[in-house]
Amino acid sequence: MVFTNVGVPRSKYPQRGSEHYSKTLVKNGASIGANATIVCGNTIGAHAFIAAGAVVTKDVPDYAVIKGVPGKQDGWISEHGSLLSFDNRNEAICKISGWKYKMESSSVIKKYN
């Protein structure tokens, strides 16, 4: 994968010094596929999955699946890598671990295992 570090790169006028660099945060358990590009200044949420070749241009929520150019959310994934399908109670069960997840205010949280 590739991480950028300058928001507005200019080859004729190199930018030196930490004031020109933007930080990118990758939270615990996030997976980033081959040839994905993460534009600086964004946060990749815990246990999120970035597909190979995706270009991340904004913050990624915990447990989100991001695909495409530019990257768009295409679902949710468990900590074990199982795609999550939520029922009418906004709950999902990981098919690998049996852990339960809950959708609350457009965010996913692990309910219990």
PDB file of N, CA and C in Angstrom:
ATOM      1  N   MET A   1       0.844  -1.174   0.000  1.00  0.00           N
ATOM      2  CA  MET A   1       0.000   0.000   0.000  1.00  0.00           C
ATOM      3  C   MET A   1       0.889   1.238   0.000  1.00  0.00           C
ATOM      4  N   VAL A   2       0.281   2.372  -0.249  1.00  0.00           N
ATOM      5  CA  VAL A   2       1.000   3.636  -0.303  1.00  0.00           C
ATOM      6  C   VAL A   2       0.315   4.628   0.631  1.00  0.00           C
ATOM      7  N   PHE A   3       1.113   5.308   1.438  1.00  0.00           N
ATOM      8  CA  PHE A   3       0.611   6.392   2.267  1.00  0.00           C
ATOM      9  C   PHE A   3       1.183   7.694   1.721  1.00  0.00           C
ATOM     10  N   THR A   4       0.324   8.674   1.449  1.00  0.00           N
ATOM     11  CA  THR A   4       0.836   9.987   1.086  1.00  0.00           C
ATOM     12  C   THR A   4       1.123  10.750   2.374  1.00  0.00           C
ATOM     13  N   ASN A   5       1.898  11.830   2.276  1.00  0.00           N
ATOM     14  CA  ASN A   5       2.182  12.586   3.500  1.00  0.00           C
ATOM     15  C   ASN A   5       2.076  14.096   3.327  1.00  0.00           C
ATOM     16  N   VAL A   6       1.888  14.576   2.094  1.00  0.00           N
ATOM     17  CA  VAL A   6       1.730  16.009   1.844  1.00  0.00           C
ATOM     18  C   VAL A   6       0.425  16.203   1.091  1.00  0.00           C
ATOM     19  N   GLY A   7      -0.433  17.071   1.623  1.00  0.00           N
ATOM     20  CA  GLY A   7      -1.744  17.291   1.026  1.00  0.00           C
ATOM     21  C   GLY A   7      -1.719  17.955  -0.333  1.00  0.00           C
ATOM     22  N   VAL A   8      -0.765  18.858  -0.549  1.00  0.00           N
ATOM     23  CA  VAL A   8      -0.661  19.564  -1.827  1.00  0.00           C
ATOM     24  C   VAL A   8       0.804  19.491  -2.284  1.00  0.00           C
ATOM     25  N   PRO A   9       1.195  18.370  -2.877  1.00  0.00           N
ATOM     26  CA  PRO A   9       2.596  18.230  -3.288  1.00  0.00           C
ATOM     27  C   PRO A   9       2.930  19.121  -4.484  1.00  0.00           C
ATOM     28  N   ARG A  10       4.110  19.718  -4.456  1.00  0.00           N
ATOM     29  CA  ARG A  10       4.588  20.565  -5.554  1.00  0.00           C
ATOM     30  C   ARG A  10       6.039  20.194  -5.822  1.00  0.00           C
ATOM     31  N   SER A  11       6.327  19.643  -6.986  1.00  0.00           N
ATOM     32  CA  SER A  11       7.686  19.189  -7.282  1.00  0.00           C
ATOM     33  C   SER A  11       8.670  20.348  -7.450  1.00  0.00           C
ATOM     34  N   LYS A  12       8.204  21.477  -7.974  1.00  0.00           N
ATOM     35  CA  LYS A  12       9.108  22.611  -8.185  1.00  0.00           C
ATOM     36  C   LYS A  12       9.454  23.302  -6.864  1.00  0.00           C
ATOM     37  N   TYR A  13       8.569  23.222  -5.903  1.00  0.00           N
ATOM     38  CA  TYR A  13       8.776  23.871  -4.610  1.00  0.00           C
ATOM     39  C   TYR A  13       8.673  22.819  -3.504  1.00  0.00           C
ATOM     40  N   PRO A  14       9.722  22.043  -3.288  1.00  0.00           N
ATOM     41  CA  PRO A  14       9.673  20.988  -2.264  1.00  0.00           C
ATOM     42  C   PRO A  14       9.278  21.549  -0.899  1.00  0.00           C
ATOM     43  N   GLN A  15       8.515  20.757  -0.191  1.00  0.00           N
ATOM     44  CA  GLN A  15       8.042  21.168   1.121  1.00  0.00           C
ATOM     45  C   GLN A  15       8.783  20.367   2.175  1.00  0.00           C
ATOM     46  N   ARG A  16       9.581  21.055   2.932  1.00  0.00           N
ATOM     47  CA  ARG A  16      10.364  20.409   3.981  1.00  0.00           C
ATOM     48  C   ARG A  16       9.890  20.926   5.341  1.00  0.00           C
ATOM     49  N   GLY A  17      10.015  20.071   6.319  1.00  0.00           N
ATOM     50  CA  GLY A  17       9.603  20.460   7.670  1.00  0.00           C
ATOM     51  C   GLY A  17       8.282  19.842   8.039  1.00  0.00           C
ATOM     52  N   SER A  18       8.144  19.532   9.300  1.00  0.00           N
ATOM     53  CA  SER A  18       6.971  18.798   9.782  1.00  0.00           C
ATOM     54  C   SER A  18       5.659  19.557   9.607  1.00  0.00           C
ATOM     55  N   GLU A  19       5.721  20.892   9.472  1.00  0.00           N
ATOM     56  CA  GLU A  19       4.474  21.650   9.326  1.00  0.00           C
ATOM     57  C   GLU A  19       3.776  21.362   8.000  1.00  0.00           C
ATOM     58  N   HIS A  20       4.470  20.759   7.040  1.00  0.00           N
ATOM     59  CA  HIS A  20       3.884  20.446   5.737  1.00  0.00           C
ATOM     60  C   HIS A  20       3.297  19.038   5.678  1.00  0.00           C
ATOM     61  N   TYR A  21       3.622  18.204   6.653  1.00  0.00           N
ATOM     62  CA  TYR A  21       3.208  16.807   6.608  1.00  0.00           C
ATOM     63  C   TYR A  21       1.947  16.575   7.417  1.00  0.00           C
ATOM     64  N   SER A  22       1.054  15.772   6.868  1.00  0.00           N
ATOM     65  CA  SER A  22      -0.183  15.413   7.561  1.00  0.00           C
ATOM     66  C   SER A  22      -0.072  13.990   8.091  1.00  0.00           C
ATOM     67  N   LYS A  23      -0.584  13.775   9.282  1.00  0.00           N
ATOM     68  CA  LYS A  23      -0.541  12.446   9.884  1.00  0.00           C
ATOM     69  C   LYS A  23      -1.730  11.611   9.420  1.00  0.00           C
ATOM     70  N   THR A  24      -1.500  10.330   9.328  1.00  0.00           N
ATOM     71  CA  THR A  24      -2.535   9.357   9.020  1.00  0.00           C
ATOM     72  C   THR A  24      -2.556   8.353  10.156  1.00  0.00           C
ATOM     73  N   LEU A  25      -3.743   8.050  10.660  1.00  0.00           N
ATOM     74  CA  LEU A  25      -3.878   7.113  11.764  1.00  0.00           C
ATOM     75  C   LEU A  25      -4.531   5.831  11.256  1.00  0.00           C
ATOM     76  N   VAL A  26      -3.879   4.692  11.525  1.00  0.00           N
ATOM     77  CA  VAL A  26      -4.446   3.385  11.222  1.00  0.00           C
ATOM     78  C   VAL A  26      -4.691   2.697  12.557  1.00  0.00           C
ATOM     79  N   LYS A  27      -5.950   2.468  12.876  1.00  0.00           N
ATOM     80  CA  LYS A  27      -6.302   1.908  14.180  1.00  0.00           C
ATOM     81  C   LYS A  27      -6.124   0.384  14.215  1.00  0.00           C
ATOM     82  N   ASN A  28      -6.125  -0.143  15.414  1.00  0.00           N
ATOM     83  CA  ASN A  28      -5.887  -1.553  15.686  1.00  0.00           C
ATOM     84  C   ASN A  28      -6.757  -2.475  14.834  1.00  0.00           C
ATOM     85  N   GLY A  29      -6.127  -3.453  14.198  1.00  0.00           N
ATOM     86  CA  GLY A  29      -6.846  -4.484  13.470  1.00  0.00           C
ATOM     87  C   GLY A  29      -7.253  -4.137  12.058  1.00  0.00           C
ATOM     88  N   ALA A  30      -6.967  -2.928  11.585  1.00  0.00           N
ATOM     89  CA  ALA A  30      -7.330  -2.546  10.222  1.00  0.00           C
ATOM     90  C   ALA A  30      -6.478  -3.332   9.227  1.00  0.00           C
ATOM     91  N   SER A  31      -7.067  -3.688   8.087  1.00  0.00           N
ATOM     92  CA  SER A  31      -6.369  -4.403   7.013  1.00  0.00           C
ATOM     93  C   SER A  31      -6.391  -3.551   5.756  1.00  0.00           C
ATOM     94  N   ILE A  32      -5.216  -3.404   5.134  1.00  0.00           N
ATOM     95  CA  ILE A  32      -5.098  -2.586   3.929  1.00  0.00           C
ATOM     96  C   ILE A  32      -4.527  -3.452   2.823  1.00  0.00           C
ATOM     97  N   GLY A  33      -5.267  -3.577   1.717  1.00  0.00           N
ATOM     98  CA  GLY A  33      -4.895  -4.444   0.612  1.00  0.00           C
ATOM     99  C   GLY A  33      -3.772  -3.887  -0.248  1.00  0.00           C
ATOM    100  N   ALA A  34      -3.223  -4.767  -1.077  1.00  0.00           N
ATOM    101  CA  ALA A  34      -2.126  -4.419  -1.978  1.00  0.00           C
ATOM    102  C   ALA A  34      -2.517  -3.281  -2.915  1.00  0.00           C
ATOM    103  N   ASN A  35      -1.583  -2.372  -3.122  1.00  0.00           N
ATOM    104  CA  ASN A  35      -1.735  -1.238  -4.034  1.00  0.00           C
ATOM    105  C   ASN A  35      -2.839  -0.257  -3.641  1.00  0.00           C
ATOM    106  N   ALA A  36      -3.327  -0.332  -2.413  1.00  0.00           N
ATOM    107  CA  ALA A  36      -4.263   0.682  -1.929  1.00  0.00           C
ATOM    108  C   ALA A  36      -3.469   1.949  -1.646  1.00  0.00           C
ATOM    109  N   THR A  37      -4.114   3.100  -1.825  1.00  0.00           N
ATOM    110  CA  THR A  37      -3.486   4.386  -1.525  1.00  0.00           C
ATOM    111  C   THR A  37      -4.300   5.071  -0.446  1.00  0.00           C
ATOM    112  N   ILE A  38      -3.600   5.512   0.603  1.00  0.00           N
ATOM    113  CA  ILE A  38      -4.251   6.213   1.708  1.00  0.00           C
ATOM    114  C   ILE A  38      -3.793   7.663   1.660  1.00  0.00           C
ATOM    115  N   VAL A  39      -4.708   8.574   1.321  1.00  0.00           N
ATOM    116  CA  VAL A  39      -4.382   9.993   1.256  1.00  0.00           C
ATOM    117  C   VAL A  39      -4.198  10.508   2.679  1.00  0.00           C
ATOM    118  N   CYS A  40      -3.165  11.304   2.876  1.00  0.00           N
ATOM    119  CA  CYS A  40      -2.789  11.752   4.216  1.00  0.00           C
ATOM    120  C   CYS A  40      -3.895  12.541   4.912  1.00  0.00           C
ATOM    121  N   GLY A  41      -3.838  12.493   6.237  1.00  0.00           N
ATOM    122  CA  GLY A  41      -4.771  13.244   7.065  1.00  0.00           C
ATOM    123  C   GLY A  41      -6.033  12.490   7.416  1.00  0.00           C
ATOM    124  N   ASN A  42      -6.137  11.245   6.963  1.00  0.00           N
ATOM    125  CA  ASN A  42      -7.338  10.449   7.234  1.00  0.00           C
ATOM    126  C   ASN A  42      -7.068   9.402   8.302  1.00  0.00           C
ATOM    127  N   THR A  43      -8.146   8.893   8.888  1.00  0.00           N
ATOM    128  CA  THR A  43      -8.064   7.844   9.898  1.00  0.00           C
ATOM    129  C   THR A  43      -8.732   6.593   9.353  1.00  0.00           C
ATOM    130  N   ILE A  44      -8.040   5.465   9.492  1.00  0.00           N
ATOM    131  CA  ILE A  44      -8.605   4.166   9.133  1.00  0.00           C
ATOM    132  C   ILE A  44      -9.075   3.534  10.439  1.00  0.00           C
ATOM    133  N   GLY A  45     -10.365   3.276  10.547  1.00  0.00           N
ATOM    134  CA  GLY A  45     -10.951   2.783  11.783  1.00  0.00           C
ATOM    135  C   GLY A  45     -10.517   1.378  12.152  1.00  0.00           C
ATOM    136  N   ALA A  46     -10.721   1.045  13.418  1.00  0.00           N
ATOM    137  CA  ALA A  46     -10.374  -0.277  13.947  1.00  0.00           C
ATOM    138  C   ALA A  46     -11.096  -1.363  13.158  1.00  0.00           C
ATOM    139  N   HIS A  47     -10.353  -2.385  12.759  1.00  0.00           N
ATOM    140  CA  HIS A  47     -10.857  -3.576  12.075  1.00  0.00           C
ATOM    141  C   HIS A  47     -11.483  -3.272  10.719  1.00  0.00           C
ATOM    142  N   ALA A  48     -11.257  -2.078  10.184  1.00  0.00           N
ATOM    143  CA  ALA A  48     -11.747  -1.749   8.839  1.00  0.00           C
ATOM    144  C   ALA A  48     -10.976  -2.565   7.810  1.00  0.00           C
ATOM    145  N   PHE A  49     -11.550  -2.712   6.634  1.00  0.00           N
ATOM    146  CA  PHE A  49     -10.928  -3.458   5.539  1.00  0.00           C
ATOM    147  C   PHE A  49     -10.881  -2.568   4.312  1.00  0.00           C
ATOM    148  N   ILE A  50      -9.670  -2.297   3.831  1.00  0.00           N
ATOM    149  CA  ILE A  50      -9.475  -1.498   2.619  1.00  0.00           C
ATOM    150  C   ILE A  50      -9.101  -2.472   1.512  1.00  0.00           C
ATOM    151  N   ALA A  51      -9.897  -2.558   0.460  1.00  0.00           N
ATOM    152  CA  ALA A  51      -9.658  -3.506  -0.625  1.00  0.00           C
ATOM    153  C   ALA A  51      -8.418  -3.126  -1.435  1.00  0.00           C
ATOM    154  N   ALA A  52      -7.842  -4.118  -2.089  1.00  0.00           N
ATOM    155  CA  ALA A  52      -6.683  -3.889  -2.947  1.00  0.00           C
ATOM    156  C   ALA A  52      -7.028  -2.854  -4.012  1.00  0.00           C
ATOM    157  N   GLY A  53      -6.127  -1.894  -4.210  1.00  0.00           N
ATOM    158  CA  GLY A  53      -6.304  -0.873  -5.233  1.00  0.00           C
ATOM    159  C   GLY A  53      -7.208   0.281  -4.869  1.00  0.00           C
ATOM    160  N   ALA A  54      -7.853   0.244  -3.713  1.00  0.00           N
ATOM    161  CA  ALA A  54      -8.748   1.330  -3.314  1.00  0.00           C
ATOM    162  C   ALA A  54      -7.945   2.592  -3.015  1.00  0.00           C
ATOM    163  N   VAL A  55      -8.584   3.741  -3.186  1.00  0.00           N
ATOM    164  CA  VAL A  55      -7.967   5.025  -2.853  1.00  0.00           C
ATOM    165  C   VAL A  55      -8.817   5.675  -1.768  1.00  0.00           C
ATOM    166  N   VAL A  56      -8.256   5.760  -0.562  1.00  0.00           N
ATOM    167  CA  VAL A  56      -8.979   6.310   0.597  1.00  0.00           C
ATOM    168  C   VAL A  56      -8.755   7.819   0.636  1.00  0.00           C
ATOM    169  N   THR A  57      -9.847   8.569   0.517  1.00  0.00           N
ATOM    170  CA  THR A  57      -9.772  10.030   0.493  1.00  0.00           C
ATOM    171  C   THR A  57     -10.455  10.688   1.678  1.00  0.00           C
ATOM    172  N   LYS A  58     -11.033   9.872   2.568  1.00  0.00           N
ATOM    173  CA  LYS A  58     -11.684  10.422   3.761  1.00  0.00           C
ATOM    174  C   LYS A  58     -11.609   9.389   4.885  1.00  0.00           C
ATOM    175  N   ASP A  59     -11.991   9.794   6.086  1.00  0.00           N
ATOM    176  CA  ASP A  59     -11.951   8.900   7.244  1.00  0.00           C
ATOM    177  C   ASP A  59     -12.800   7.661   6.987  1.00  0.00           C
ATOM    178  N   VAL A  60     -12.345   6.542   7.548  1.00  0.00           N
ATOM    179  CA  VAL A  60     -13.020   5.254   7.402  1.00  0.00           C
ATOM    180  C   VAL A  60     -13.516   4.817   8.785  1.00  0.00           C
ATOM    181  N   PRO A  61     -14.813   4.502   8.924  1.00  0.00           N
ATOM    182  CA  PRO A  61     -15.332   4.066  10.226  1.00  0.00           C
ATOM    183  C   PRO A  61     -14.794   2.698  10.643  1.00  0.00           C
ATOM    184  N   ASP A  62     -14.854   2.405  11.930  1.00  0.00           N
ATOM    185  CA  ASP A  62     -14.533   1.074  12.434  1.00  0.00           C
ATOM    186  C   ASP A  62     -15.384   0.043  11.696  1.00  0.00           C
ATOM    187  N   TYR A  63     -14.798  -1.096  11.357  1.00  0.00           N
ATOM    188  CA  TYR A  63     -15.466  -2.249  10.742  1.00  0.00           C
ATOM    189  C   TYR A  63     -15.971  -2.005   9.319  1.00  0.00           C
ATOM    190  N   ALA A  64     -15.645  -0.886   8.692  1.00  0.00           N
ATOM    191  CA  ALA A  64     -16.123  -0.592   7.343  1.00  0.00           C
ATOM    192  C   ALA A  64     -15.313  -1.348   6.294  1.00  0.00           C
ATOM    193  N   VAL A  65     -15.957  -1.682   5.175  1.00  0.00           N
ATOM    194  CA  VAL A  65     -15.304  -2.244   3.998  1.00  0.00           C
ATOM    195  C   VAL A  65     -15.271  -1.139   2.951  1.00  0.00           C
ATOM    196  N   ILE A  66     -14.067  -0.814   2.455  1.00  0.00           N
ATOM    197  CA  ILE A  66     -13.901   0.253   1.475  1.00  0.00           C
ATOM    198  C   ILE A  66     -13.342  -0.343   0.190  1.00  0.00           C
ATOM    199  N   LYS A  67     -13.988  -0.017  -0.951  1.00  0.00           N
ATOM    200  CA  LYS A  67     -13.556  -0.493  -2.266  1.00  0.00           C
ATOM    201  C   LYS A  67     -13.623   0.650  -3.263  1.00  0.00           C
ATOM    202  N   GLY A  68     -12.775   0.570  -4.316  1.00  0.00           N
ATOM    203  CA  GLY A  68     -12.901   1.460  -5.461  1.00  0.00           C
ATOM    204  C   GLY A  68     -12.022   2.687  -5.440  1.00  0.00           C
ATOM    205  N   VAL A  69     -12.178   3.458  -6.546  1.00  0.00           N
ATOM    206  CA  VAL A  69     -11.425   4.690  -6.757  1.00  0.00           C
ATOM    207  C   VAL A  69     -12.425   5.769  -7.160  1.00  0.00           C
ATOM    208  N   PRO A  70     -12.691   6.757  -6.350  1.00  0.00           N
ATOM    209  CA  PRO A  70     -12.238   6.864  -4.971  1.00  0.00           C
ATOM    210  C   PRO A  70     -12.935   5.809  -4.111  1.00  0.00           C
ATOM    211  N   GLY A  71     -12.356   5.522  -2.965  1.00  0.00           N
ATOM    212  CA  GLY A  71     -12.903   4.490  -2.087  1.00  0.00           C
ATOM    213  C   GLY A  71     -14.277   4.852  -1.560  1.00  0.00           C
ATOM    214  N   LYS A  72     -15.179   3.884  -1.625  1.00  0.00           N
ATOM    215  CA  LYS A  72     -16.530   4.060  -1.088  1.00  0.00           C
ATOM    216  C   LYS A  72     -16.846   2.867  -0.195  1.00  0.00           C
ATOM    217  N   GLN A  73     -17.639   3.123   0.811  1.00  0.00           N
ATOM    218  CA  GLN A  73     -17.998   2.036   1.721  1.00  0.00           C
ATOM    219  C   GLN A  73     -18.928   1.056   1.016  1.00  0.00           C
ATOM    220  N   ASP A  74     -18.605  -0.245   1.182  1.00  0.00           N
ATOM    221  CA  ASP A  74     -19.366  -1.305   0.534  1.00  0.00           C
ATOM    222  C   ASP A  74     -19.762  -2.375   1.549  1.00  0.00           C
ATOM    223  N   GLY A  75     -20.069  -1.967   2.765  1.00  0.00           N
ATOM    224  CA  GLY A  75     -20.508  -2.916   3.773  1.00  0.00           C
ATOM    225  C   GLY A  75     -19.696  -2.833   5.041  1.00  0.00           C
ATOM    226  N   TRP A  76     -19.872  -3.882   5.863  1.00  0.00           N
ATOM    227  CA  TRP A  76     -19.238  -3.968   7.169  1.00  0.00           C
ATOM    228  C   TRP A  76     -18.585  -5.336   7.304  1.00  0.00           C
ATOM    229  N   ILE A  77     -17.552  -5.433   8.132  1.00  0.00           N
ATOM    230  CA  ILE A  77     -16.810  -6.674   8.304  1.00  0.00           C
ATOM    231  C   ILE A  77     -16.511  -6.893   9.787  1.00  0.00           C
ATOM    232  N   SER A  78     -16.486  -8.154  10.194  1.00  0.00           N
ATOM    233  CA  SER A  78     -16.190  -8.481  11.590  1.00  0.00           C
ATOM    234  C   SER A  78     -14.685  -8.463  11.837  1.00  0.00           C
ATOM    235  N   GLU A  79     -14.301  -8.567  13.082  1.00  0.00           N
ATOM    236  CA  GLU A  79     -12.885  -8.638  13.433  1.00  0.00           C
ATOM    237  C   GLU A  79     -12.215  -9.861  12.825  1.00  0.00           C
ATOM    238  N   HIS A  80     -12.988 -10.906  12.560  1.00  0.00           N
ATOM    239  CA  HIS A  80     -12.439 -12.141  12.000  1.00  0.00           C
ATOM    240  C   HIS A  80     -12.478 -12.173  10.476  1.00  0.00           C
ATOM    241  N   GLY A  81     -13.044 -11.141   9.843  1.00  0.00           N
ATOM    242  CA  GLY A  81     -13.047 -11.066   8.386  1.00  0.00           C
ATOM    243  C   GLY A  81     -14.302 -11.577   7.719  1.00  0.00           C
ATOM    244  N   SER A  82     -15.371 -11.720   8.451  1.00  0.00           N
ATOM    245  CA  SER A  82     -16.648 -12.148   7.889  1.00  0.00           C
ATOM    246  C   SER A  82     -17.490 -10.910   7.567  1.00  0.00           C
ATOM    247  N   LEU A  83     -18.044 -10.862   6.345  1.00  0.00           N
ATOM    248  CA  LEU A  83     -18.932  -9.759   6.009  1.00  0.00           C
ATOM    249  C   LEU A  83     -20.165  -9.831   6.905  1.00  0.00           C
ATOM    250  N   LEU A  84     -20.589  -8.682   7.400  1.00  0.00           N
ATOM    251  CA  LEU A  84     -21.707  -8.625   8.339  1.00  0.00           C
ATOM    252  C   LEU A  84     -23.002  -8.251   7.622  1.00  0.00           C
ATOM    253  N   SER A  85     -24.059  -8.959   7.928  1.00  0.00           N
ATOM    254  CA  SER A  85     -25.378  -8.689   7.389  1.00  0.00           C
ATOM    255  C   SER A  85     -26.301  -8.415   8.580  1.00  0.00           C
ATOM    256  N   PHE A  86     -26.813  -7.200   8.657  1.00  0.00           N
ATOM    257  CA  PHE A  86     -27.610  -6.785   9.812  1.00  0.00           C
ATOM    258  C   PHE A  86     -29.090  -7.115   9.618  1.00  0.00           C
ATOM    259  N   ASP A  87     -29.727  -7.570  10.700  1.00  0.00           N
ATOM    260  CA  ASP A  87     -31.151  -7.910  10.660  1.00  0.00           C
ATOM    261  C   ASP A  87     -31.994  -6.682  11.004  1.00  0.00           C
ATOM    262  N   ASN A  88     -33.300  -6.894  11.169  1.00  0.00           N
ATOM    263  CA  ASN A  88     -34.199  -5.771  11.442  1.00  0.00           C
ATOM    264  C   ASN A  88     -34.004  -5.168  12.831  1.00  0.00           C
ATOM    265  N   ARG A  89     -33.224  -5.839  13.702  1.00  0.00           N
ATOM    266  CA  ARG A  89     -32.884  -5.285  15.018  1.00  0.00           C
ATOM    267  C   ARG A  89     -31.521  -4.613  14.990  1.00  0.00           C
ATOM    268  N   ASN A  90     -30.945  -4.457  13.779  1.00  0.00           N
ATOM    269  CA  ASN A  90     -29.618  -3.873  13.591  1.00  0.00           C
ATOM    270  C   ASN A  90     -28.515  -4.684  14.261  1.00  0.00           C
ATOM    271  N   GLU A  91     -28.685  -6.004  14.257  1.00  0.00           N
ATOM    272  CA  GLU A  91     -27.677  -6.897  14.813  1.00  0.00           C
ATOM    273  C   GLU A  91     -27.176  -7.840  13.726  1.00  0.00           C
ATOM    274  N   ALA A  92     -25.911  -8.245  13.878  1.00  0.00           N
ATOM    275  CA  ALA A  92     -25.295  -9.194  12.950  1.00  0.00           C
ATOM    276  C   ALA A  92     -24.433 -10.158  13.744  1.00  0.00           C
ATOM    277  N   ILE A  93     -24.276 -11.366  13.223  1.00  0.00           N
ATOM    278  CA  ILE A  93     -23.431 -12.380  13.856  1.00  0.00           C
ATOM    279  C   ILE A  93     -22.317 -12.755  12.894  1.00  0.00           C
ATOM    280  N   CYS A  94     -21.089 -12.729  13.395  1.00  0.00           N
ATOM    281  CA  CYS A  94     -19.934 -13.147  12.601  1.00  0.00           C
ATOM    282  C   CYS A  94     -20.049 -14.646  12.340  1.00  0.00           C
ATOM    283  N   LYS A  95     -19.974 -15.038  11.068  1.00  0.00           N
ATOM    284  CA  LYS A  95     -20.097 -16.452  10.698  1.00  0.00           C
ATOM    285  C   LYS A  95     -18.868 -17.265  11.092  1.00  0.00           C
ATOM    286  N   ILE A  96     -17.779 -16.599  11.393  1.00  0.00           N
ATOM    287  CA  ILE A  96     -16.552 -17.300  11.769  1.00  0.00           C
ATOM    288  C   ILE A  96     -16.483 -17.516  13.277  1.00  0.00           C
ATOM    289  N   SER A  97     -16.723 -16.453  14.037  1.00  0.00           N
ATOM    290  CA  SER A  97     -16.532 -16.510  15.491  1.00  0.00           C
ATOM    291  C   SER A  97     -17.818 -16.647  16.295  1.00  0.00           C
ATOM    292  N   GLY A  98     -18.946 -16.246  15.707  1.00  0.00           N
ATOM    293  CA  GLY A  98     -20.201 -16.216  16.456  1.00  0.00           C
ATOM    294  C   GLY A  98     -20.384 -14.936  17.259  1.00  0.00           C
ATOM    295  N   TRP A  99     -19.397 -14.025  17.187  1.00  0.00           N
ATOM    296  CA  TRP A  99     -19.520 -12.762  17.919  1.00  0.00           C
ATOM    297  C   TRP A  99     -20.660 -11.936  17.342  1.00  0.00           C
ATOM    298  N   LYS A 100     -21.315 -11.171  18.216  1.00  0.00           N
ATOM    299  CA  LYS A 100     -22.435 -10.338  17.795  1.00  0.00           C
ATOM    300  C   LYS A 100     -22.012  -8.876  17.674  1.00  0.00           C
ATOM    301  N   TYR A 101     -22.574  -8.213  16.669  1.00  0.00           N
ATOM    302  CA  TYR A 101     -22.290  -6.811  16.387  1.00  0.00           C
ATOM    303  C   TYR A 101     -23.612  -6.061  16.299  1.00  0.00           C
ATOM    304  N   LYS A 102     -23.574  -4.775  16.618  1.00  0.00           N
ATOM    305  CA  LYS A 102     -24.780  -3.940  16.605  1.00  0.00           C
ATOM    306  C   LYS A 102     -24.494  -2.662  15.837  1.00  0.00           C
ATOM    307  N   MET A 103     -25.459  -2.248  15.016  1.00  0.00           N
ATOM    308  CA  MET A 103     -25.392  -0.982  14.294  1.00  0.00           C
ATOM    309  C   MET A 103     -26.109   0.059  15.140  1.00  0.00           C
ATOM    310  N   GLU A 104     -25.391   1.132  15.486  1.00  0.00           N
ATOM    311  CA  GLU A 104     -25.973   2.224  16.269  1.00  0.00           C
ATOM    312  C   GLU A 104     -25.542   3.542  15.655  1.00  0.00           C
ATOM    313  N   SER A 105     -26.488   4.346  15.208  1.00  0.00           N
ATOM    314  CA  SER A 105     -26.197   5.665  14.636  1.00  0.00           C
ATOM    315  C   SER A 105     -25.149   5.590  13.522  1.00  0.00           C
ATOM    316  N   SER A 106     -25.345   4.674  12.588  1.00  0.00           N
ATOM    317  CA  SER A 106     -24.450   4.491  11.435  1.00  0.00           C
ATOM    318  C   SER A 106     -23.050   4.049  11.818  1.00  0.00           C
ATOM    319  N   SER A 107     -22.884   3.508  12.997  1.00  0.00           N
ATOM    320  CA  SER A 107     -21.606   2.957  13.448  1.00  0.00           C
ATOM    321  C   SER A 107     -21.826   1.530  13.904  1.00  0.00           C
ATOM    322  N   VAL A 108     -20.780   0.702  13.771  1.00  0.00           N
ATOM    323  CA  VAL A 108     -20.867  -0.685  14.210  1.00  0.00           C
ATOM    324  C   VAL A 108     -20.028  -0.855  15.466  1.00  0.00           C
ATOM    325  N   ILE A 109     -20.597  -1.547  16.440  1.00  0.00           N
ATOM    326  CA  ILE A 109     -19.855  -1.865  17.656  1.00  0.00           C
ATOM    327  C   ILE A 109     -19.977  -3.371  17.904  1.00  0.00           C
ATOM    328  N   LYS A 110     -18.927  -3.942  18.500  1.00  0.00           N
ATOM    329  CA  LYS A 110     -19.006  -5.345  18.897  1.00  0.00           C
ATOM    330  C   LYS A 110     -19.854  -5.412  20.142  1.00  0.00           C
ATOM    331  N   LYS A 111     -20.918  -6.173  20.080  1.00  0.00           N
ATOM    332  CA  LYS A 111     -21.848  -6.246  21.208  1.00  0.00           C
ATOM    333  C   LYS A 111     -21.298  -7.190  22.280  1.00  0.00           C
ATOM    334  N   TYR A 112     -21.008  -8.406  21.900  1.00  0.00           N
ATOM    335  CA  TYR A 112     -20.411  -9.366  22.833  1.00  0.00           C
ATOM    336  C   TYR A 112     -19.980 -10.594  22.061  1.00  0.00           C
ATOM    337  N   ASN A 113     -19.155 -11.404  22.721  1.00  0.00           N
ATOM    338  CA  ASN A 113     -18.707 -12.654  22.101  1.00  0.00           C
ATOM    339  C   ASN A 113     -19.000 -13.823  23.007  1.00  0.00           C
TER     340      ASN A 113
END
